């Protein structure tokens, strides 16, 4: 598991996008609409894992959700980037 050094850019046409092991910096373009990013099963990353998300264009929402519906982010079903 590791970052390959290339930032990943995600746009509305690729939504929902499932994060891969090589993703680290995820740039999100919401010009064409909202984007949903799915975080893989937490059990795969038992030692922990972090990603950096940055909305680079557009004014629509970025929603970050677990790919496994019963998992949460400290009790939250999803996280939303609005700024």
PDB file of N, CA and C in Angstrom:
ATOM      1  N   UNK A   1       0.836  -1.169   0.000  1.00  0.00           N
ATOM      2  CA  UNK A   1       0.000   0.000   0.000  1.00  0.00           C
ATOM      3  C   UNK A   1       0.875   1.224   0.000  1.00  0.00           C
ATOM      4  N   UNK A   2       0.594   2.123  -0.896  1.00  0.00           N
ATOM      5  CA  UNK A   2       1.352   3.356  -0.880  1.00  0.00           C
ATOM      6  C   UNK A   2       0.925   4.264  -1.988  1.00  0.00           C
ATOM      7  N   UNK A   3       1.386   5.459  -1.863  1.00  0.00           N
ATOM      8  CA  UNK A   3       1.041   6.470  -2.837  1.00  0.00           C
ATOM      9  C   UNK A   3       2.014   6.412  -3.981  1.00  0.00           C
ATOM     10  N   UNK A   4       1.514   6.489  -5.208  1.00  0.00           N
ATOM     11  CA  UNK A   4       2.398   6.437  -6.370  1.00  0.00           C
ATOM     12  C   UNK A   4       2.908   7.820  -6.768  1.00  0.00           C
ATOM     13  N   UNK A   5       2.604   8.867  -5.972  1.00  0.00           N
ATOM     14  CA  UNK A   5       3.112  10.206  -6.237  1.00  0.00           C
ATOM     15  C   UNK A   5       2.262  11.036  -7.165  1.00  0.00           C
ATOM     16  N   UNK A   6       1.176  10.486  -7.678  1.00  0.00           N
ATOM     17  CA  UNK A   6       0.324  11.204  -8.615  1.00  0.00           C
ATOM     18  C   UNK A   6      -0.997  11.563  -7.950  1.00  0.00           C
ATOM     19  N   UNK A   7      -1.306  12.879  -7.861  1.00  0.00           N
ATOM     20  CA  UNK A   7      -2.626  13.237  -7.330  1.00  0.00           C
ATOM     21  C   UNK A   7      -3.723  12.698  -8.245  1.00  0.00           C
ATOM     22  N   UNK A   8      -4.805  12.247  -7.678  1.00  0.00           N
ATOM     23  CA  UNK A   8      -5.939  11.727  -8.435  1.00  0.00           C
ATOM     24  C   UNK A   8      -6.968  12.846  -8.556  1.00  0.00           C
ATOM     25  N   UNK A   9      -7.452  13.111  -9.760  1.00  0.00           N
ATOM     26  CA  UNK A   9      -8.503  14.103  -9.953  1.00  0.00           C
ATOM     27  C   UNK A   9      -9.789  13.386 -10.314  1.00  0.00           C
ATOM     28  N   UNK A  10     -10.850  13.679  -9.554  1.00  0.00           N
ATOM     29  CA  UNK A  10     -12.146  13.032  -9.730  1.00  0.00           C
ATOM     30  C   UNK A  10     -13.153  14.097 -10.149  1.00  0.00           C
ATOM     31  N   UNK A  11     -13.972  13.792 -11.132  1.00  0.00           N
ATOM     32  CA  UNK A  11     -15.035  14.690 -11.587  1.00  0.00           C
ATOM     33  C   UNK A  11     -16.383  13.983 -11.453  1.00  0.00           C
ATOM     34  N   UNK A  12     -17.459  14.738 -11.638  1.00  0.00           N
ATOM     35  CA  UNK A  12     -18.813  14.207 -11.459  1.00  0.00           C
ATOM     36  C   UNK A  12     -19.073  12.970 -12.318  1.00  0.00           C
ATOM     37  N   UNK A  13     -18.510  12.915 -13.508  1.00  0.00           N
ATOM     38  CA  UNK A  13     -18.733  11.779 -14.404  1.00  0.00           C
ATOM     39  C   UNK A  13     -18.179  10.474 -13.828  1.00  0.00           C
ATOM     40  N   UNK A  14     -17.229  10.565 -12.898  1.00  0.00           N
ATOM     41  CA  UNK A  14     -16.629   9.377 -12.295  1.00  0.00           C
ATOM     42  C   UNK A  14     -17.278   9.014 -10.955  1.00  0.00           C
ATOM     43  N   UNK A  15     -18.278   9.759 -10.575  1.00  0.00           N
ATOM     44  CA  UNK A  15     -18.924   9.555  -9.280  1.00  0.00           C
ATOM     45  C   UNK A  15     -19.973   8.446  -9.362  1.00  0.00           C
ATOM     46  N   UNK A  16     -20.068   7.558  -8.391  1.00  0.00           N
ATOM     47  CA  UNK A  16     -19.228   7.468  -7.209  1.00  0.00           C
ATOM     48  C   UNK A  16     -17.878   6.839  -7.537  1.00  0.00           C
ATOM     49  N   UNK A  17     -16.853   7.298  -6.836  1.00  0.00           N
ATOM     50  CA  UNK A  17     -15.485   6.827  -7.043  1.00  0.00           C
ATOM     51  C   UNK A  17     -15.032   6.060  -5.807  1.00  0.00           C
ATOM     52  N   UNK A  18     -14.572   4.824  -5.988  1.00  0.00           N
ATOM     53  CA  UNK A  18     -14.052   4.007  -4.894  1.00  0.00           C
ATOM     54  C   UNK A  18     -12.548   4.240  -4.787  1.00  0.00           C
ATOM     55  N   UNK A  19     -12.095   4.717  -3.636  1.00  0.00           N
ATOM     56  CA  UNK A  19     -10.674   4.963  -3.427  1.00  0.00           C
ATOM     57  C   UNK A  19      -9.867   3.694  -3.629  1.00  0.00           C
ATOM     58  N   UNK A  20      -8.671   3.841  -4.198  1.00  0.00           N
ATOM     59  CA  UNK A  20      -7.782   2.702  -4.397  1.00  0.00           C
ATOM     60  C   UNK A  20      -6.608   2.817  -3.427  1.00  0.00           C
ATOM     61  N   UNK A  21      -5.852   1.738  -3.248  1.00  0.00           N
ATOM     62  CA  UNK A  21      -4.698   1.785  -2.351  1.00  0.00           C
ATOM     63  C   UNK A  21      -3.646   2.818  -2.768  1.00  0.00           C
ATOM     64  N   UNK A  22      -3.604   3.188  -4.037  1.00  0.00           N
ATOM     65  CA  UNK A  22      -2.619   4.163  -4.504  1.00  0.00           C
ATOM     66  C   UNK A  22      -3.078   5.606  -4.350  1.00  0.00           C
ATOM     67  N   UNK A  23      -4.317   5.834  -3.978  1.00  0.00           N
ATOM     68  CA  UNK A  23      -4.808   7.198  -3.785  1.00  0.00           C
ATOM     69  C   UNK A  23      -4.300   7.751  -2.458  1.00  0.00           C
ATOM     70  N   UNK A  24      -3.904   9.009  -2.463  1.00  0.00           N
ATOM     71  CA  UNK A  24      -3.487   9.688  -1.242  1.00  0.00           C
ATOM     72  C   UNK A  24      -4.055  11.106  -1.267  1.00  0.00           C
ATOM     73  N   UNK A  25      -3.695  11.860  -2.305  1.00  0.00           N
ATOM     74  CA  UNK A  25      -4.234  13.201  -2.503  1.00  0.00           C
ATOM     75  C   UNK A  25      -5.310  13.105  -3.577  1.00  0.00           C
ATOM     76  N   UNK A  26      -6.556  13.409  -3.210  1.00  0.00           N
ATOM     77  CA  UNK A  26      -7.680  13.284  -4.128  1.00  0.00           C
ATOM     78  C   UNK A  26      -8.237  14.686  -4.391  1.00  0.00           C
ATOM     79  N   UNK A  27      -8.032  15.172  -5.606  1.00  0.00           N
ATOM     80  CA  UNK A  27      -8.531  16.480  -6.023  1.00  0.00           C
ATOM     81  C   UNK A  27      -9.888  16.269  -6.680  1.00  0.00           C
ATOM     82  N   UNK A  28     -10.877  17.059  -6.275  1.00  0.00           N
ATOM     83  CA  UNK A  28     -12.246  16.824  -6.730  1.00  0.00           C
ATOM     84  C   UNK A  28     -12.760  18.057  -7.483  1.00  0.00           C
ATOM     85  N   UNK A  29     -13.222  17.831  -8.712  1.00  0.00           N
ATOM     86  CA  UNK A  29     -13.803  18.878  -9.545  1.00  0.00           C
ATOM     87  C   UNK A  29     -15.311  18.691  -9.566  1.00  0.00           C
ATOM     88  N   UNK A  30     -16.037  19.613  -8.927  1.00  0.00           N
ATOM     89  CA  UNK A  30     -17.498  19.497  -8.857  1.00  0.00           C
ATOM     90  C   UNK A  30     -18.202  20.449  -9.818  1.00  0.00           C
ATOM     91  N   UNK A  31     -17.500  20.922 -10.833  1.00  0.00           N
ATOM     92  CA  UNK A  31     -18.090  21.856 -11.790  1.00  0.00           C
ATOM     93  C   UNK A  31     -19.346  21.291 -12.433  1.00  0.00           C
ATOM     94  N   UNK A  32     -19.315  20.015 -12.824  1.00  0.00           N
ATOM     95  CA  UNK A  32     -20.446  19.400 -13.533  1.00  0.00           C
ATOM     96  C   UNK A  32     -21.483  18.787 -12.600  1.00  0.00           C
ATOM     97  N   UNK A  33     -21.251  18.823 -11.298  1.00  0.00           N
ATOM     98  CA  UNK A  33     -22.217  18.260 -10.370  1.00  0.00           C
ATOM     99  C   UNK A  33     -21.546  17.725  -9.120  1.00  0.00           C
ATOM    100  N   UNK A  34     -22.355  17.276  -8.154  1.00  0.00           N
ATOM    101  CA  UNK A  34     -21.799  16.729  -6.916  1.00  0.00           C
ATOM    102  C   UNK A  34     -21.027  15.437  -7.164  1.00  0.00           C
ATOM    103  N   UNK A  35     -20.091  15.152  -6.258  1.00  0.00           N
ATOM    104  CA  UNK A  35     -19.245  13.968  -6.374  1.00  0.00           C
ATOM    105  C   UNK A  35     -19.317  13.178  -5.069  1.00  0.00           C
ATOM    106  N   UNK A  36     -19.425  11.862  -5.198  1.00  0.00           N
ATOM    107  CA  UNK A  36     -19.385  10.972  -4.043  1.00  0.00           C
ATOM    108  C   UNK A  36     -18.120  10.129  -4.129  1.00  0.00           C
ATOM    109  N   UNK A  37     -17.395  10.080  -3.020  1.00  0.00           N
ATOM    110  CA  UNK A  37     -16.187   9.265  -2.924  1.00  0.00           C
ATOM    111  C   UNK A  37     -16.449   8.186  -1.880  1.00  0.00           C
ATOM    112  N   UNK A  38     -16.162   6.945  -2.250  1.00  0.00           N
ATOM    113  CA  UNK A  38     -16.387   5.808  -1.353  1.00  0.00           C
ATOM    114  C   UNK A  38     -15.064   5.339  -0.760  1.00  0.00           C
ATOM    115  N   UNK A  39     -15.036   5.212   0.550  1.00  0.00           N
ATOM    116  CA  UNK A  39     -13.862   4.729   1.270  1.00  0.00           C
ATOM    117  C   UNK A  39     -13.974   3.211   1.387  1.00  0.00           C
ATOM    118  N   UNK A  40     -12.890   2.480   1.054  1.00  0.00           N
ATOM    119  CA  UNK A  40     -12.944   1.021   1.122  1.00  0.00           C
ATOM    120  C   UNK A  40     -13.226   0.501   2.527  1.00  0.00           C
ATOM    121  N   UNK A  41     -13.535  -0.756   2.594  1.00  0.00           N
ATOM    122  CA  UNK A  41     -13.805  -1.462   3.848  1.00  0.00           C
ATOM    123  C   UNK A  41     -12.689  -1.175   4.860  1.00  0.00           C
ATOM    124  N   UNK A  42     -13.042  -0.672   6.017  1.00  0.00           N
ATOM    125  CA  UNK A  42     -12.069  -0.295   7.051  1.00  0.00           C
ATOM    126  C   UNK A  42     -11.251  -1.492   7.535  1.00  0.00           C
ATOM    127  N   UNK A  43     -11.792  -2.675   7.448  1.00  0.00           N
ATOM    128  CA  UNK A  43     -11.065  -3.864   7.907  1.00  0.00           C
ATOM    129  C   UNK A  43      -9.820  -4.128   7.066  1.00  0.00           C
ATOM    130  N   UNK A  44      -9.804  -3.635   5.826  1.00  0.00           N
ATOM    131  CA  UNK A  44      -8.635  -3.795   4.955  1.00  0.00           C
ATOM    132  C   UNK A  44      -7.466  -2.967   5.489  1.00  0.00           C
ATOM    133  N   UNK A  45      -7.774  -1.843   6.135  1.00  0.00           N
ATOM    134  CA  UNK A  45      -6.751  -0.926   6.639  1.00  0.00           C
ATOM    135  C   UNK A  45      -6.733  -0.946   8.166  1.00  0.00           C
ATOM    136  N   UNK A  46      -6.576  -2.122   8.749  1.00  0.00           N
ATOM    137  CA  UNK A  46      -6.653  -2.254  10.207  1.00  0.00           C
ATOM    138  C   UNK A  46      -5.580  -1.440  10.922  1.00  0.00           C
ATOM    139  N   UNK A  47      -4.481  -1.153  10.248  1.00  0.00           N
ATOM    140  CA  UNK A  47      -3.419  -0.353  10.850  1.00  0.00           C
ATOM    141  C   UNK A  47      -3.632   1.133  10.678  1.00  0.00           C
ATOM    142  N   UNK A  48      -4.714   1.503   9.996  1.00  0.00           N
ATOM    143  CA  UNK A  48      -5.015   2.913   9.753  1.00  0.00           C
ATOM    144  C   UNK A  48      -4.655   3.326   8.336  1.00  0.00           C
ATOM    145  N   UNK A  49      -5.308   4.349   7.871  1.00  0.00           N
ATOM    146  CA  UNK A  49      -5.078   4.873   6.506  1.00  0.00           C
ATOM    147  C   UNK A  49      -5.615   6.282   6.472  1.00  0.00           C
ATOM    148  N   UNK A  50      -4.931   7.159   5.749  1.00  0.00           N
ATOM    149  CA  UNK A  50      -5.432   8.521   5.609  1.00  0.00           C
ATOM    150  C   UNK A  50      -5.396   8.948   4.149  1.00  0.00           C
ATOM    151  N   UNK A  51      -6.328   9.811   3.803  1.00  0.00           N
ATOM    152  CA  UNK A  51      -6.395  10.412   2.480  1.00  0.00           C
ATOM    153  C   UNK A  51      -6.568  11.908   2.667  1.00  0.00           C
ATOM    154  N   UNK A  52      -6.156  12.677   1.666  1.00  0.00           N
ATOM    155  CA  UNK A  52      -6.363  14.124   1.661  1.00  0.00           C
ATOM    156  C   UNK A  52      -7.315  14.431   0.512  1.00  0.00           C
ATOM    157  N   UNK A  53      -8.397  15.170   0.825  1.00  0.00           N
ATOM    158  CA  UNK A  53      -9.392  15.537  -0.180  1.00  0.00           C
ATOM    159  C   UNK A  53      -9.374  17.043  -0.364  1.00  0.00           C
ATOM    160  N   UNK A  54      -9.383  17.496  -1.616  1.00  0.00           N
ATOM    161  CA  UNK A  54      -9.380  18.920  -1.923  1.00  0.00           C
ATOM    162  C   UNK A  54     -10.320  19.181  -3.088  1.00  0.00           C
ATOM    163  N   UNK A  55     -11.328  20.035  -2.849  1.00  0.00           N
ATOM    164  CA  UNK A  55     -12.183  20.443  -3.967  1.00  0.00           C
ATOM    165  C   UNK A  55     -11.444  21.534  -4.716  1.00  0.00           C
ATOM    166  N   UNK A  56     -11.155  21.291  -6.000  1.00  0.00           N
ATOM    167  CA  UNK A  56     -10.339  22.214  -6.786  1.00  0.00           C
ATOM    168  C   UNK A  56     -11.149  23.097  -7.710  1.00  0.00           C
ATOM    169  N   UNK A  57     -12.395  22.751  -7.970  1.00  0.00           N
ATOM    170  CA  UNK A  57     -13.233  23.554  -8.855  1.00  0.00           C
ATOM    171  C   UNK A  57     -14.693  23.207  -8.609  1.00  0.00           C
ATOM    172  N   UNK A  58     -15.561  24.175  -8.936  1.00  0.00           N
ATOM    173  CA  UNK A  58     -17.000  23.948  -8.815  1.00  0.00           C
ATOM    174  C   UNK A  58     -17.507  24.286  -7.434  1.00  0.00           C
ATOM    175  N   UNK A  59     -18.805  24.420  -7.334  1.00  0.00           N
ATOM    176  CA  UNK A  59     -19.433  24.778  -6.070  1.00  0.00           C
ATOM    177  C   UNK A  59     -20.356  23.715  -5.528  1.00  0.00           C
ATOM    178  N   UNK A  60     -20.318  22.540  -6.128  1.00  0.00           N
ATOM    179  CA  UNK A  60     -21.184  21.449  -5.667  1.00  0.00           C
ATOM    180  C   UNK A  60     -20.541  20.673  -4.526  1.00  0.00           C
ATOM    181  N   UNK A  61     -21.317  19.837  -3.909  1.00  0.00           N
ATOM    182  CA  UNK A  61     -20.913  19.093  -2.723  1.00  0.00           C
ATOM    183  C   UNK A  61     -20.048  17.890  -3.062  1.00  0.00           C
ATOM    184  N   UNK A  62     -19.081  17.620  -2.164  1.00  0.00           N
ATOM    185  CA  UNK A  62     -18.306  16.388  -2.188  1.00  0.00           C
ATOM    186  C   UNK A  62     -18.746  15.584  -0.968  1.00  0.00           C
ATOM    187  N   UNK A  63     -19.243  14.368  -1.197  1.00  0.00           N
ATOM    188  CA  UNK A  63     -19.668  13.498  -0.107  1.00  0.00           C
ATOM    189  C   UNK A  63     -18.708  12.324  -0.018  1.00  0.00           C
ATOM    190  N   UNK A  64     -18.212  12.070   1.183  1.00  0.00           N
ATOM    191  CA  UNK A  64     -17.300  10.954   1.422  1.00  0.00           C
ATOM    192  C   UNK A  64     -18.067   9.950   2.287  1.00  0.00           C
ATOM    193  N   UNK A  65     -18.224   8.750   1.750  1.00  0.00           N
ATOM    194  CA  UNK A  65     -19.026   7.723   2.420  1.00  0.00           C
ATOM    195  C   UNK A  65     -18.273   6.411   2.477  1.00  0.00           C
ATOM    196  N   UNK A  66     -18.551   5.589   3.489  1.00  0.00           N
ATOM    197  CA  UNK A  66     -17.960   4.254   3.506  1.00  0.00           C
ATOM    198  C   UNK A  66     -18.593   3.379   2.422  1.00  0.00           C
ATOM    199  N   UNK A  67     -17.784   2.563   1.784  1.00  0.00           N
ATOM    200  CA  UNK A  67     -18.304   1.651   0.760  1.00  0.00           C
ATOM    201  C   UNK A  67     -19.174   0.570   1.401  1.00  0.00           C
ATOM    202  N   UNK A  68     -18.909   0.258   2.667  1.00  0.00           N
ATOM    203  CA  UNK A  68     -19.695  -0.716   3.416  1.00  0.00           C
ATOM    204  C   UNK A  68     -20.681   0.068   4.266  1.00  0.00           C
ATOM    205  N   UNK A  69     -21.968  -0.081   3.988  1.00  0.00           N
ATOM    206  CA  UNK A  69     -22.991   0.745   4.612  1.00  0.00           C
ATOM    207  C   UNK A  69     -23.047   0.743   6.117  1.00  0.00           C
ATOM    208  N   UNK A  70     -22.610  -0.331   6.760  1.00  0.00           N
ATOM    209  CA  UNK A  70     -22.707  -0.388   8.224  1.00  0.00           C
ATOM    210  C   UNK A  70     -21.530   0.293   8.910  1.00  0.00           C
ATOM    211  N   UNK A  71     -20.518   0.713   8.147  1.00  0.00           N
ATOM    212  CA  UNK A  71     -19.369   1.392   8.739  1.00  0.00           C
ATOM    213  C   UNK A  71     -19.624   2.898   8.787  1.00  0.00           C
ATOM    214  N   UNK A  72     -18.959   3.571   9.728  1.00  0.00           N
ATOM    215  CA  UNK A  72     -19.165   5.009   9.897  1.00  0.00           C
ATOM    216  C   UNK A  72     -17.838   5.711  10.116  1.00  0.00           C
ATOM    217  N   UNK A  73     -17.880   7.045  10.108  1.00  0.00           N
ATOM    218  CA  UNK A  73     -16.750   7.890  10.474  1.00  0.00           C
ATOM    219  C   UNK A  73     -17.051   8.453  11.860  1.00  0.00           C
ATOM    220  N   UNK A  74     -16.520   7.822  12.876  1.00  0.00           N
ATOM    221  CA  UNK A  74     -16.801   8.240  14.261  1.00  0.00           C
ATOM    222  C   UNK A  74     -18.290   8.434  14.500  1.00  0.00           C
ATOM    223  N   UNK A  75     -19.094   7.506  13.982  1.00  0.00           N
ATOM    224  CA  UNK A  75     -20.532   7.539  14.182  1.00  0.00           C
ATOM    225  C   UNK A  75     -21.316   8.260  13.101  1.00  0.00           C
ATOM    226  N   UNK A  76     -20.636   8.948  12.189  1.00  0.00           N
ATOM    227  CA  UNK A  76     -21.323   9.661  11.101  1.00  0.00           C
ATOM    228  C   UNK A  76     -21.418   8.759   9.872  1.00  0.00           C
ATOM    229  N   UNK A  77     -22.564   8.778   9.201  1.00  0.00           N
ATOM    230  CA  UNK A  77     -22.770   7.954   8.018  1.00  0.00           C
ATOM    231  C   UNK A  77     -21.960   8.451   6.829  1.00  0.00           C
ATOM    232  N   UNK A  78     -21.674   9.748   6.775  1.00  0.00           N
ATOM    233  CA  UNK A  78     -20.874  10.313   5.688  1.00  0.00           C
ATOM    234  C   UNK A  78     -20.294  11.654   6.145  1.00  0.00           C
ATOM    235  N   UNK A  79     -19.333  12.127   5.363  1.00  0.00           N
ATOM    236  CA  UNK A  79     -18.735  13.453   5.576  1.00  0.00           C
ATOM    237  C   UNK A  79     -19.018  14.276   4.332  1.00  0.00           C
ATOM    238  N   UNK A  80     -19.219  15.567   4.482  1.00  0.00           N
ATOM    239  CA  UNK A  80     -19.519  16.421   3.346  1.00  0.00           C
ATOM    240  C   UNK A  80     -18.569  17.612   3.314  1.00  0.00           C
ATOM    241  N   UNK A  81     -17.985  17.856   2.146  1.00  0.00           N
ATOM    242  CA  UNK A  81     -17.162  19.040   1.925  1.00  0.00           C
ATOM    243  C   UNK A  81     -18.025  20.063   1.194  1.00  0.00           C
ATOM    244  N   UNK A  82     -18.209  21.213   1.782  1.00  0.00           N
ATOM    245  CA  UNK A  82     -19.062  22.221   1.159  1.00  0.00           C
ATOM    246  C   UNK A  82     -18.304  23.515   0.859  1.00  0.00           C
ATOM    247  N   UNK A  83     -17.100  23.656   1.342  1.00  0.00           N
ATOM    248  CA  UNK A  83     -16.327  24.889   1.132  1.00  0.00           C
ATOM    249  C   UNK A  83     -15.207  24.620   0.180  1.00  0.00           C
TER     250      UNK A  83
END
